């Protein structure tokens, strides 16, 4: 590991782990894990062996795959409390947008002092709800397009139908 990366890990102290500079070992590990469908044993330097629980094995596979792609990884407990800035970064939105979501009741939050805190699992639940809403909307649009024969129409017909659809008021999503 290069010295810059090592210093970053020590300075951050946030549990983020970067992939090794040499990804060959990570690629070997990922290939090994792909070839085995069941967990094995963890072997200590003294030869002691302990069975690897299925849950830990699944996480290990995910970690190896992500790091093989050269990405950093962080494992955090579901009850972890995040600041509004951390929560916004997790969701990929601005902090003011997150605050609007919090204040509207879309995402639960705590206020142990004057600052809001958001539990990680509430953010993951919100992401799941949004994903389901987007999937539902896309399915409705696809059905509408099929019913109106837009898959068989010309580009001009499609453009006109799209313009009309954009003018429609969106349905409110179920809570």
Protein backbone atom coordinates (compact mmCIF):
# COMPACT_ATOMS: atom_id res chain seq x y z
CA UNK A 1 0.00 0.00 0.00
CA UNK A 2 1.39 3.40 -0.86
CA UNK A 3 2.16 5.87 1.91
CA UNK A 4 -0.46 8.41 0.78
CA UNK A 5 -3.23 5.85 0.96
CA UNK A 6 -2.01 4.60 4.35
CA UNK A 7 -1.99 8.14 5.73
CA UNK A 8 -5.50 8.72 4.40
CA UNK A 9 -6.82 5.62 6.15
CA UNK A 10 -5.20 6.60 9.43
CA UNK A 11 -6.37 10.23 9.15
CA UNK A 12 -9.96 9.37 8.21
CA UNK A 13 -10.48 6.68 10.84
CA UNK A 14 -13.94 6.14 9.34
CA UNK A 15 -13.64 2.48 8.44
CA UNK A 16 -13.08 3.06 4.73
CA UNK A 17 -10.68 0.53 3.23
CA UNK A 18 -9.11 1.04 -0.17
CA UNK A 19 -8.22 -1.81 -2.50
CA UNK A 20 -4.56 -2.79 -2.68
CA UNK A 21 -2.42 -1.02 -5.26
CA UNK A 22 -1.73 -4.41 -6.86
CA UNK A 23 -5.16 -5.78 -7.78
CA UNK A 24 -3.80 -9.17 -8.89
CA UNK A 25 -4.26 -10.68 -5.41
CA UNK A 26 -7.77 -9.24 -5.19
CA UNK A 27 -8.58 -10.68 -8.62
CA UNK A 28 -7.28 -14.09 -7.49
CA UNK A 29 -9.44 -13.92 -4.35
CA UNK A 30 -12.53 -12.89 -6.32
CA UNK A 31 -12.02 -15.75 -8.80
CA UNK A 32 -11.52 -18.19 -5.94
CA UNK A 33 -14.73 -17.05 -4.23
CA UNK A 34 -16.67 -17.20 -7.52
CA UNK A 35 -15.64 -20.84 -7.87
CA UNK A 36 -16.91 -21.83 -4.44
CA UNK A 37 -20.59 -21.62 -3.58
CA UNK A 38 -20.33 -22.51 0.09
CA UNK A 39 -18.26 -21.00 2.87
CA UNK A 40 -15.15 -22.80 4.01
CA UNK A 41 -12.84 -22.29 6.93
CA UNK A 42 -10.83 -19.38 8.19
CA UNK A 43 -7.24 -20.48 8.77
CA UNK A 44 -5.20 -18.65 11.38
CA UNK A 45 -1.41 -18.18 11.17
CA UNK A 46 -1.03 -20.83 13.88
CA UNK A 47 -3.04 -23.39 11.88
CA UNK A 48 -6.22 -22.98 13.92
CA UNK A 49 -9.36 -23.32 11.81
CA UNK A 50 -12.82 -21.92 12.38
CA UNK A 51 -15.88 -22.35 10.11
CA UNK A 52 -16.81 -19.20 8.22
CA UNK A 53 -20.51 -18.35 8.79
CA UNK A 54 -22.64 -18.02 5.64
CA UNK A 55 -23.37 -14.33 6.36
CA UNK A 56 -19.69 -13.47 6.66
CA UNK A 57 -18.91 -15.45 3.51
CA UNK A 58 -21.53 -13.49 1.50
CA UNK A 59 -20.07 -10.19 2.71
CA UNK A 60 -16.54 -11.37 1.91
CA UNK A 61 -17.63 -12.16 -1.65
CA UNK A 62 -19.18 -8.70 -2.04
CA UNK A 63 -16.11 -6.97 -0.60
CA UNK A 64 -13.79 -8.90 -2.92
CA UNK A 65 -15.91 -8.06 -5.96
CA UNK A 66 -16.07 -4.34 -5.18
CA UNK A 67 -12.35 -4.10 -4.37
CA UNK A 68 -11.52 -6.07 -7.52
CA UNK A 69 -13.13 -3.18 -9.42
CA UNK A 70 -10.68 -0.85 -7.68
CA UNK A 71 -13.31 0.73 -5.41
CA UNK A 72 -13.02 1.51 -1.70
CA UNK A 73 -15.37 -0.16 0.75
CA UNK A 74 -16.83 0.56 4.14
CA UNK A 75 -18.78 -1.82 6.33
CA UNK A 76 -21.02 -0.12 8.88
CA UNK A 77 -23.62 -1.30 11.39
CA UNK A 78 -27.24 -0.67 10.31
CA UNK A 79 -27.96 1.44 13.41
CA UNK A 80 -25.09 3.80 12.61
CA UNK A 81 -26.05 7.45 13.08
CA UNK A 82 -24.94 9.77 10.28
CA UNK A 83 -24.75 13.53 10.11
CA UNK A 84 -26.95 15.22 7.52
CA UNK A 85 -23.88 15.76 5.32
CA UNK A 86 -22.90 12.08 5.53
CA UNK A 87 -26.50 11.02 4.85
CA UNK A 88 -26.73 13.34 1.84
CA UNK A 89 -23.47 11.96 0.44
CA UNK A 90 -24.74 8.41 0.97
CA UNK A 91 -27.88 9.19 -1.06
CA UNK A 92 -25.99 11.26 -3.63
CA UNK A 93 -28.04 14.41 -3.01
CA UNK A 94 -27.33 17.84 -1.58
CA UNK A 95 -27.61 18.47 2.16
CA UNK A 96 -30.45 21.01 1.70
CA UNK A 97 -32.40 18.43 -0.32
CA UNK A 98 -31.86 15.86 2.43
CA UNK A 99 -33.05 18.32 5.08
CA UNK A 100 -36.25 18.86 3.06
CA UNK A 101 -36.79 15.08 2.97
CA UNK A 102 -36.21 14.87 6.72
CA UNK A 103 -38.56 17.74 7.53
CA UNK A 104 -41.28 16.36 5.22
CA UNK A 105 -41.18 13.04 7.09
CA UNK A 106 -39.87 11.03 4.14
CA UNK A 107 -36.88 9.89 6.20
CA UNK A 108 -37.00 9.59 9.99
CA UNK A 109 -34.29 11.37 11.97
CA UNK A 110 -33.19 12.03 15.51
CA UNK A 111 -32.12 15.25 17.13
CA UNK A 112 -30.01 14.27 20.16
CA UNK A 113 -28.81 17.87 20.38
CA UNK A 114 -29.27 20.76 18.00
CA UNK A 115 -28.05 18.68 15.02
CA UNK A 116 -30.08 16.11 13.12
CA UNK A 117 -28.82 12.53 12.89
CA UNK A 118 -30.08 9.86 10.50
CA UNK A 119 -29.82 6.11 10.98
CA UNK A 120 -28.21 4.25 8.10
CA UNK A 121 -31.03 1.72 7.90
CA UNK A 122 -33.58 4.55 7.38
CA UNK A 123 -31.55 5.74 4.39
CA UNK A 124 -31.45 2.23 2.96
CA UNK A 125 -35.22 1.88 3.44
CA UNK A 126 -35.74 5.24 1.70
CA UNK A 127 -33.57 4.10 -1.22
CA UNK A 128 -35.66 0.93 -1.51
CA UNK A 129 -38.93 2.89 -1.53
CA UNK A 130 -37.60 5.28 -4.19
CA UNK A 131 -36.37 2.36 -6.30
CA UNK A 132 -39.82 0.72 -6.10
CA UNK A 133 -41.53 4.02 -7.01
CA UNK A 134 -39.27 4.49 -10.04
CA UNK A 135 -39.85 0.90 -11.16
CA UNK A 136 -43.62 1.33 -10.82
CA UNK A 137 -43.58 4.59 -12.78
CA UNK A 138 -41.48 3.03 -15.53
CA UNK A 139 -43.86 0.07 -15.72
CA UNK A 140 -46.85 2.44 -16.03
CA UNK A 141 -45.09 4.42 -18.77
CA UNK A 142 -44.23 1.24 -20.64
CA UNK A 143 -47.83 0.00 -20.40
CA UNK A 144 -49.15 3.37 -21.57
CA UNK A 145 -46.73 3.40 -24.48
CA UNK A 146 -47.78 -0.10 -25.48
CA UNK A 147 -51.49 0.72 -25.22
CA UNK A 148 -51.04 3.79 -27.41
CA UNK A 149 -49.03 1.87 -29.99
CA UNK A 150 -45.94 3.98 -29.48
CA UNK A 151 -43.61 1.08 -30.02
CA UNK A 152 -45.01 0.80 -33.54
CA UNK A 153 -45.25 4.55 -34.19
CA UNK A 154 -42.94 7.01 -35.87
CA UNK A 155 -40.36 9.13 -34.07
CA UNK A 156 -42.63 12.17 -34.44
CA UNK A 157 -45.58 10.35 -32.83
CA UNK A 158 -43.35 9.21 -30.02
CA UNK A 159 -42.02 12.75 -29.45
CA UNK A 160 -45.57 14.17 -29.34
CA UNK A 161 -46.73 11.49 -26.89
CA UNK A 162 -43.69 12.08 -24.71
CA UNK A 163 -44.40 15.82 -24.64
CA UNK A 164 -48.00 15.13 -23.57
CA UNK A 165 -46.87 12.68 -20.88
CA UNK A 166 -44.44 15.20 -19.44
CA UNK A 167 -47.23 17.75 -19.05
CA UNK A 168 -49.32 15.33 -16.97
CA UNK A 169 -49.25 15.84 -13.24
CA UNK A 170 -47.39 12.93 -11.62
CA UNK A 171 -49.34 10.64 -9.33
CA UNK A 172 -48.45 10.85 -5.68
CA UNK A 173 -46.48 7.86 -4.50
CA UNK A 174 -47.91 5.66 -1.75
CA UNK A 175 -46.34 6.26 1.65
